[in-house]
Amino acid sequence: TVLKMNGTMKVDFPFNTLVTNQMSTEIVNTPIMQMFKLEKTNYDLFLNNTVSPSKSEQINNELFNKGRISRLPEELMSVITLFDLNFYWSEDLQSFVSNGNANVATIGENQLYKRCKVYVQIQKRRSGDKFALLIEHKENSFYYFDYFNGELLTYSTDKTYLELLEAIPAKEKKIKGEKDQQEFYFGISSKSKPYMFLDNFVKEDGFDED
């Protein structure tokens, strides 16, 4: 028996707006990989569980009639929100993983509703939880994030994205944690890490890129 579930995920952490805007622009301007109908996804369930019933009804009407929300409410804000992720438990990786096509709802304040290849790994460890995400928005082009113990490392094939990250002063990449919270740091990952991450999925039994 394999535990499977379809889910929506908000990924939020202190980050730079210029960087998220570049990521959003690049994905929006990429030719559509695969069409999908928003009304046939689980995004409405996410809305119903995130905002008030009256606001949810209004947002759903806007989405399904106009294809976007006129004003994104604070409850839906995050660095990245993904939906229609197909999670399952991997014994080999001892992690919840999702691979294949999923939908990018928003990046920062930008609404995308684009279907991309998305790979996620969530692992509980005694030394701290580990999270990794890769969004492949076109063939051989991606954005990668790896979080462990207060450190978020990211890499992309998008050179402008990396240049913007490099230009951020070191002191702005460290965020002091509030009471009972650890410090947070974000920086650029090595080029090899995202490819090593993808290798985990290739080695998985039943790996399927569709």
C-alpha atoms as a PDB file:
ATOM      1  CA  THR A   1       0.000   0.000   0.000  1.00  0.00           C
ATOM      2  CA  VAL A   2       1.325   3.417  -0.992  1.00  0.00           C
ATOM      3  CA  LEU A   3       0.103   6.519   0.828  1.00  0.00           C
ATOM      4  CA  LYS A   4      -0.844   9.173  -1.731  1.00  0.00           C
ATOM      5  CA  MET A   5      -2.476  12.585  -1.455  1.00  0.00           C
ATOM      6  CA  ASN A   6      -3.228  15.582  -3.631  1.00  0.00           C
ATOM      7  CA  GLY A   7      -2.304  18.824  -1.930  1.00  0.00           C
ATOM      8  CA  THR A   8      -1.654  22.563  -1.992  1.00  0.00           C
ATOM      9  CA  MET A   9       1.427  24.083  -0.400  1.00  0.00           C
ATOM     10  CA  LYS A  10       2.394  27.627   0.620  1.00  0.00           C
ATOM     11  CA  VAL A  11       6.152  28.099   0.796  1.00  0.00           C
ATOM     12  CA  ASP A  12       7.017  31.216   2.781  1.00  0.00           C
ATOM     13  CA  PHE A  13      10.328  32.605   4.014  1.00  0.00           C
ATOM     14  CA  PRO A  14      12.078  36.005   4.156  1.00  0.00           C
ATOM     15  CA  PHE A  15      13.200  36.758   0.599  1.00  0.00           C
ATOM     16  CA  ASN A  16      13.963  39.617  -1.776  1.00  0.00           C
ATOM     17  CA  THR A  17      11.080  41.076  -3.818  1.00  0.00           C
ATOM     18  CA  LEU A  18      13.252  41.836  -6.865  1.00  0.00           C
ATOM     19  CA  VAL A  19      14.286  38.176  -6.957  1.00  0.00           C
ATOM     20  CA  THR A  20      10.727  36.840  -6.693  1.00  0.00           C
ATOM     21  CA  ASN A  21       9.554  39.301  -9.358  1.00  0.00           C
ATOM     22  CA  GLN A  22      12.279  38.088 -11.731  1.00  0.00           C
ATOM     23  CA  MET A  23      11.276  34.473 -11.113  1.00  0.00           C
ATOM     24  CA  SER A  24       7.621  35.304 -11.708  1.00  0.00           C
ATOM     25  CA  THR A  25       8.325  37.248 -14.920  1.00  0.00           C
ATOM     26  CA  GLU A  26      10.495  34.471 -16.325  1.00  0.00           C
ATOM     27  CA  ILE A  27       7.868  31.774 -15.670  1.00  0.00           C
ATOM     28  CA  VAL A  28       4.979  33.923 -16.967  1.00  0.00           C
ATOM     29  CA  ASN A  29       6.848  34.648 -20.211  1.00  0.00           C
ATOM     30  CA  THR A  30       7.658  30.977 -20.795  1.00  0.00           C
ATOM     31  CA  PRO A  31       5.457  29.238 -23.394  1.00  0.00           C
ATOM     32  CA  ILE A  32       2.784  27.103 -21.725  1.00  0.00           C
ATOM     33  CA  MET A  33       4.017  23.565 -21.095  1.00  0.00           C
ATOM     34  CA  GLN A  34       0.583  22.093 -20.513  1.00  0.00           C
ATOM     35  CA  MET A  35      -2.923  23.577 -20.481  1.00  0.00           C
ATOM     36  CA  PHE A  36      -5.230  23.039 -17.525  1.00  0.00           C
ATOM     37  CA  LYS A  37      -8.636  24.249 -16.392  1.00  0.00           C
ATOM     38  CA  LEU A  38      -8.556  25.993 -13.024  1.00  0.00           C
ATOM     39  CA  GLU A  39     -12.090  24.902 -12.168  1.00  0.00           C
ATOM     40  CA  LYS A  40     -11.021  21.248 -12.437  1.00  0.00           C
ATOM     41  CA  THR A  41      -8.246  21.594  -9.837  1.00  0.00           C
ATOM     42  CA  ASN A  42      -8.280  21.556  -6.029  1.00  0.00           C
ATOM     43  CA  TYR A  43      -7.466  25.271  -5.752  1.00  0.00           C
ATOM     44  CA  ASP A  44     -11.024  26.089  -4.665  1.00  0.00           C
ATOM     45  CA  LEU A  45     -10.604  23.751  -1.662  1.00  0.00           C
ATOM     46  CA  PHE A  46      -7.465  25.633  -0.689  1.00  0.00           C
ATOM     47  CA  LEU A  47      -9.340  28.950  -0.934  1.00  0.00           C
ATOM     48  CA  ASN A  48     -12.249  27.635   1.113  1.00  0.00           C
ATOM     49  CA  ASN A  49      -9.855  26.566   3.897  1.00  0.00           C
ATOM     50  CA  THR A  50      -7.713  29.718   3.820  1.00  0.00           C
ATOM     51  CA  VAL A  51     -10.097  32.679   3.621  1.00  0.00           C
ATOM     52  CA  SER A  52     -13.564  33.398   5.007  1.00  0.00           C
ATOM     53  CA  PRO A  53     -16.579  31.831   3.221  1.00  0.00           C
ATOM     54  CA  SER A  54     -17.767  35.185   1.831  1.00  0.00           C
ATOM     55  CA  LYS A  55     -14.296  36.104   0.567  1.00  0.00           C
ATOM     56  CA  SER A  56     -13.784  32.602  -0.839  1.00  0.00           C
ATOM     57  CA  GLU A  57     -16.988  32.849  -2.883  1.00  0.00           C
ATOM     58  CA  GLN A  58     -15.972  36.242  -4.264  1.00  0.00           C
ATOM     59  CA  ILE A  59     -12.441  35.040  -5.156  1.00  0.00           C
ATOM     60  CA  ASN A  60     -13.742  31.874  -6.804  1.00  0.00           C
ATOM     61  CA  ASN A  61     -16.132  33.923  -8.944  1.00  0.00           C
ATOM     62  CA  GLU A  62     -13.318  36.247 -10.020  1.00  0.00           C
ATOM     63  CA  LEU A  63     -10.969  33.378 -10.793  1.00  0.00           C
ATOM     64  CA  PHE A  64     -13.366  31.325 -12.831  1.00  0.00           C
ATOM     65  CA  ASN A  65     -14.866  34.296 -14.690  1.00  0.00           C
ATOM     66  CA  LYS A  66     -11.793  36.510 -15.188  1.00  0.00           C
ATOM     67  CA  GLY A  67      -8.918  34.070 -14.676  1.00  0.00           C
ATOM     68  CA  ARG A  68      -7.378  36.052 -11.813  1.00  0.00           C
ATOM     69  CA  ILE A  69      -8.107  37.675  -8.447  1.00  0.00           C
ATOM     70  CA  SER A  70      -8.578  41.459  -8.593  1.00  0.00           C
ATOM     71  CA  ARG A  71      -6.727  41.948  -5.313  1.00  0.00           C
ATOM     72  CA  LEU A  72      -4.743  39.148  -3.684  1.00  0.00           C
ATOM     73  CA  PRO A  73      -5.745  38.964   0.011  1.00  0.00           C
ATOM     74  CA  GLU A  74      -3.074  38.778   2.700  1.00  0.00           C
ATOM     75  CA  GLU A  75      -4.080  35.202   3.586  1.00  0.00           C
ATOM     76  CA  LEU A  76      -2.951  34.026   0.134  1.00  0.00           C
ATOM     77  CA  MET A  77       0.407  35.812   0.180  1.00  0.00           C
ATOM     78  CA  SER A  78       3.554  33.672   0.170  1.00  0.00           C
ATOM     79  CA  VAL A  79       6.835  33.430  -1.693  1.00  0.00           C
ATOM     80  CA  ILE A  80       5.458  30.466  -3.671  1.00  0.00           C
ATOM     81  CA  THR A  81       2.047  28.756  -3.612  1.00  0.00           C
ATOM     82  CA  LEU A  82       1.697  25.446  -5.457  1.00  0.00           C
ATOM     83  CA  PHE A  83      -1.388  23.313  -5.956  1.00  0.00           C
ATOM     84  CA  ASP A  84      -2.360  19.911  -7.364  1.00  0.00           C
ATOM     85  CA  LEU A  85       0.819  18.382  -5.987  1.00  0.00           C
ATOM     86  CA  ASN A  86       0.693  14.585  -6.003  1.00  0.00           C
ATOM     87  CA  PHE A  87       2.442  13.544  -2.798  1.00  0.00           C
ATOM     88  CA  TYR A  88       3.354  10.012  -1.831  1.00  0.00           C
ATOM     89  CA  TRP A  89       5.522   8.402   0.837  1.00  0.00           C
ATOM     90  CA  SER A  90       8.905   7.178  -0.421  1.00  0.00           C
ATOM     91  CA  GLU A  91      10.438   4.396   1.650  1.00  0.00           C
ATOM     92  CA  ASP A  92      13.758   4.784  -0.172  1.00  0.00           C
ATOM     93  CA  LEU A  93      14.039   8.486   0.646  1.00  0.00           C
ATOM     94  CA  GLN A  94      12.104   8.280   3.930  1.00  0.00           C
ATOM     95  CA  SER A  95      10.284  11.398   2.772  1.00  0.00           C
ATOM     96  CA  PHE A  96       7.044  12.714   1.404  1.00  0.00           C
ATOM     97  CA  VAL A  97       7.750  13.481  -2.233  1.00  0.00           C
ATOM     98  CA  SER A  98       5.873  14.851  -5.211  1.00  0.00           C
ATOM     99  CA  ASN A  99       7.015  14.776  -8.800  1.00  0.00           C
ATOM    100  CA  GLY A 100       5.500  15.515 -12.180  1.00  0.00           C
ATOM    101  CA  ASN A 101       3.198  18.273 -13.349  1.00  0.00           C
ATOM    102  CA  ALA A 102       1.666  20.643 -10.796  1.00  0.00           C
ATOM    103  CA  ASN A 103       0.401  24.210 -10.800  1.00  0.00           C
ATOM    104  CA  VAL A 104       2.100  27.411  -9.677  1.00  0.00           C
ATOM    105  CA  ALA A 105      -0.614  29.700  -8.278  1.00  0.00           C
ATOM    106  CA  THR A 106       1.380  32.695  -7.076  1.00  0.00           C
ATOM    107  CA  ILE A 107       4.942  33.909  -6.583  1.00  0.00           C
ATOM    108  CA  GLY A 108       5.006  36.816  -4.171  1.00  0.00           C
ATOM    109  CA  GLU A 109       2.149  39.133  -5.154  1.00  0.00           C
ATOM    110  CA  ASN A 110       2.167  37.852  -8.735  1.00  0.00           C
ATOM    111  CA  GLN A 111      -0.570  35.515  -9.974  1.00  0.00           C
ATOM    112  CA  LEU A 112       0.645  32.897 -12.474  1.00  0.00           C
ATOM    113  CA  TYR A 113      -1.674  29.854 -12.624  1.00  0.00           C
ATOM    114  CA  LYS A 114       0.893  28.060 -14.767  1.00  0.00           C
ATOM    115  CA  ARG A 115       1.462  24.326 -15.038  1.00  0.00           C
ATOM    116  CA  CYS A 116       5.086  23.252 -14.656  1.00  0.00           C
ATOM    117  CA  LYS A 117       7.080  20.204 -13.650  1.00  0.00           C
ATOM    118  CA  VAL A 118       7.452  20.387  -9.887  1.00  0.00           C
ATOM    119  CA  TYR A 119       9.545  18.215  -7.588  1.00  0.00           C
ATOM    120  CA  VAL A 120       9.197  18.376  -3.788  1.00  0.00           C
ATOM    121  CA  GLN A 121      10.839  16.457  -0.950  1.00  0.00           C
ATOM    122  CA  ILE A 122       9.849  16.883   2.712  1.00  0.00           C
ATOM    123  CA  GLN A 123      11.901  14.919   5.229  1.00  0.00           C
ATOM    124  CA  LYS A 124      11.620  14.753   9.023  1.00  0.00           C
ATOM    125  CA  ARG A 125      15.016  14.367  10.680  1.00  0.00           C
ATOM    126  CA  ARG A 126      16.185  14.311  14.290  1.00  0.00           C
ATOM    127  CA  SER A 127      18.688  17.013  13.368  1.00  0.00           C
ATOM    128  CA  GLY A 128      15.942  19.165  11.798  1.00  0.00           C
ATOM    129  CA  ASP A 129      13.389  19.018   9.012  1.00  0.00           C
ATOM    130  CA  LYS A 130      14.637  19.220   5.433  1.00  0.00           C
ATOM    131  CA  PHE A 131      12.709  20.663   2.495  1.00  0.00           C
ATOM    132  CA  ALA A 132      13.651  20.842  -1.175  1.00  0.00           C
ATOM    133  CA  LEU A 133      11.738  22.155  -4.190  1.00  0.00           C
ATOM    134  CA  LEU A 134      12.511  22.393  -7.890  1.00  0.00           C
ATOM    135  CA  ILE A 135      10.244  24.090 -10.434  1.00  0.00           C
ATOM    136  CA  GLU A 136      11.119  23.259 -14.035  1.00  0.00           C
ATOM    137  CA  HIS A 137       9.308  25.961 -16.020  1.00  0.00           C
ATOM    138  CA  LYS A 138      10.758  24.898 -19.384  1.00  0.00           C
ATOM    139  CA  GLU A 139      13.052  22.134 -20.588  1.00  0.00           C
ATOM    140  CA  ASN A 140      16.393  22.248 -18.748  1.00  0.00           C
ATOM    141  CA  SER A 141      15.399  25.507 -16.999  1.00  0.00           C
ATOM    142  CA  PHE A 142      14.473  25.599 -13.326  1.00  0.00           C
ATOM    143  CA  TYR A 143      14.384  27.287  -9.924  1.00  0.00           C
ATOM    144  CA  TYR A 144      15.659  25.235  -7.000  1.00  0.00           C
ATOM    145  CA  PHE A 145      15.292  25.747  -3.222  1.00  0.00           C
ATOM    146  CA  ASP A 146      16.803  23.703  -0.403  1.00  0.00           C
ATOM    147  CA  TYR A 147      16.056  24.432   3.258  1.00  0.00           C
ATOM    148  CA  PHE A 148      17.648  22.899   6.353  1.00  0.00           C
ATOM    149  CA  ASN A 149      18.146  24.257   9.882  1.00  0.00           C
ATOM    150  CA  GLY A 150      17.549  27.913   9.163  1.00  0.00           C
ATOM    151  CA  GLU A 151      19.491  28.010   5.902  1.00  0.00           C
ATOM    152  CA  LEU A 152      17.811  28.319   2.501  1.00  0.00           C
ATOM    153  CA  LEU A 153      19.996  27.779  -0.551  1.00  0.00           C
ATOM    154  CA  THR A 154      18.687  28.458  -4.041  1.00  0.00           C
ATOM    155  CA  TYR A 155      19.943  28.042  -7.590  1.00  0.00           C
ATOM    156  CA  SER A 156      18.547  28.634 -11.065  1.00  0.00           C
ATOM    157  CA  THR A 157      19.435  28.411 -14.733  1.00  0.00           C
ATOM    158  CA  ASP A 158      18.115  32.011 -14.875  1.00  0.00           C
ATOM    159  CA  LYS A 159      21.283  34.167 -14.885  1.00  0.00           C
ATOM    160  CA  THR A 160      19.408  37.370 -14.001  1.00  0.00           C
ATOM    161  CA  TYR A 161      17.942  35.639 -10.920  1.00  0.00           C
ATOM    162  CA  LEU A 162      21.444  34.671  -9.756  1.00  0.00           C
ATOM    163  CA  GLU A 163      22.840  38.159 -10.484  1.00  0.00           C
ATOM    164  CA  LEU A 164      20.084  39.745  -8.394  1.00  0.00           C
ATOM    165  CA  LEU A 165      20.844  37.365  -5.528  1.00  0.00           C
ATOM    166  CA  GLU A 166      24.571  38.076  -5.718  1.00  0.00           C
ATOM    167  CA  ALA A 167      23.881  41.814  -5.577  1.00  0.00           C
ATOM    168  CA  ILE A 168      22.061  41.570  -2.228  1.00  0.00           C
ATOM    169  CA  PRO A 169      24.338  42.748   0.624  1.00  0.00           C
ATOM    170  CA  ALA A 170      25.395  39.941   2.987  1.00  0.00           C
ATOM    171  CA  LYS A 171      23.718  41.624   5.977  1.00  0.00           C
ATOM    172  CA  GLU A 172      20.351  41.508   4.152  1.00  0.00           C
ATOM    173  CA  LYS A 173      20.661  37.758   3.604  1.00  0.00           C
ATOM    174  CA  LYS A 174      20.664  37.118   7.364  1.00  0.00           C
ATOM    175  CA  ILE A 175      17.447  37.603   9.290  1.00  0.00           C
ATOM    176  CA  LYS A 176      17.570  37.526  13.069  1.00  0.00           C
ATOM    177  CA  GLY A 177      14.958  35.206  14.528  1.00  0.00           C
ATOM    178  CA  GLU A 178      12.327  36.524  16.895  1.00  0.00           C
ATOM    179  CA  LYS A 179      11.942  35.069  20.377  1.00  0.00           C
ATOM    180  CA  ASP A 180      12.256  31.254  20.339  1.00  0.00           C
ATOM    181  CA  GLN A 181      13.018  31.336  16.590  1.00  0.00           C
ATOM    182  CA  GLN A 182      16.319  30.489  14.944  1.00  0.00           C
ATOM    183  CA  GLU A 183      18.154  32.850  12.637  1.00  0.00           C
ATOM    184  CA  PHE A 184      17.433  32.555   8.914  1.00  0.00           C
ATOM    185  CA  TYR A 185      19.899  32.854   6.059  1.00  0.00           C
ATOM    186  CA  PHE A 186      19.428  32.625   2.303  1.00  0.00           C
ATOM    187  CA  GLY A 187      22.111  32.314  -0.344  1.00  0.00           C
ATOM    188  CA  ILE A 188      23.125  30.682  -3.601  1.00  0.00           C
ATOM    189  CA  SER A 189      23.478  26.916  -3.784  1.00  0.00           C
ATOM    190  CA  SER A 190      26.179  25.059  -5.680  1.00  0.00           C
ATOM    191  CA  LYS A 191      25.280  24.246  -9.283  1.00  0.00           C
ATOM    192  CA  SER A 192      25.426  20.503  -8.589  1.00  0.00           C
ATOM    193  CA  LYS A 193      22.803  20.391  -5.791  1.00  0.00           C
ATOM    194  CA  PRO A 194      19.658  20.618  -7.967  1.00  0.00           C
ATOM    195  CA  TYR A 195      20.941  17.877 -10.268  1.00  0.00           C
ATOM    196  CA  MET A 196      21.732  15.637  -7.294  1.00  0.00           C
ATOM    197  CA  PHE A 197      18.214  16.348  -6.024  1.00  0.00           C
ATOM    198  CA  LEU A 198      16.672  15.316  -9.367  1.00  0.00           C
ATOM    199  CA  ASP A 199      18.751  12.120  -9.342  1.00  0.00           C
ATOM    200  CA  ASN A 200      16.785  11.025  -6.245  1.00  0.00           C
ATOM    201  CA  PHE A 201      13.604  11.001  -8.327  1.00  0.00           C
ATOM    202  CA  VAL A 202      15.195   9.220 -11.268  1.00  0.00           C
ATOM    203  CA  LYS A 203      16.268   6.424  -8.906  1.00  0.00           C
ATOM    204  CA  GLU A 204      12.786   6.144  -7.422  1.00  0.00           C
ATOM    205  CA  ASP A 205      10.802   3.037  -8.390  1.00  0.00           C
ATOM    206  CA  GLY A 206       7.956   4.008 -10.650  1.00  0.00           C
ATOM    207  CA  PHE A 207       9.438   7.399 -11.500  1.00  0.00           C
ATOM    208  CA  ASP A 208       7.254   9.095 -14.061  1.00  0.00           C
ATOM    209  CA  GLU A 209       7.934  12.459 -15.699  1.00  0.00           C
ATOM    210  CA  ASP A 210       4.358  12.908 -16.937  1.00  0.00           C
END
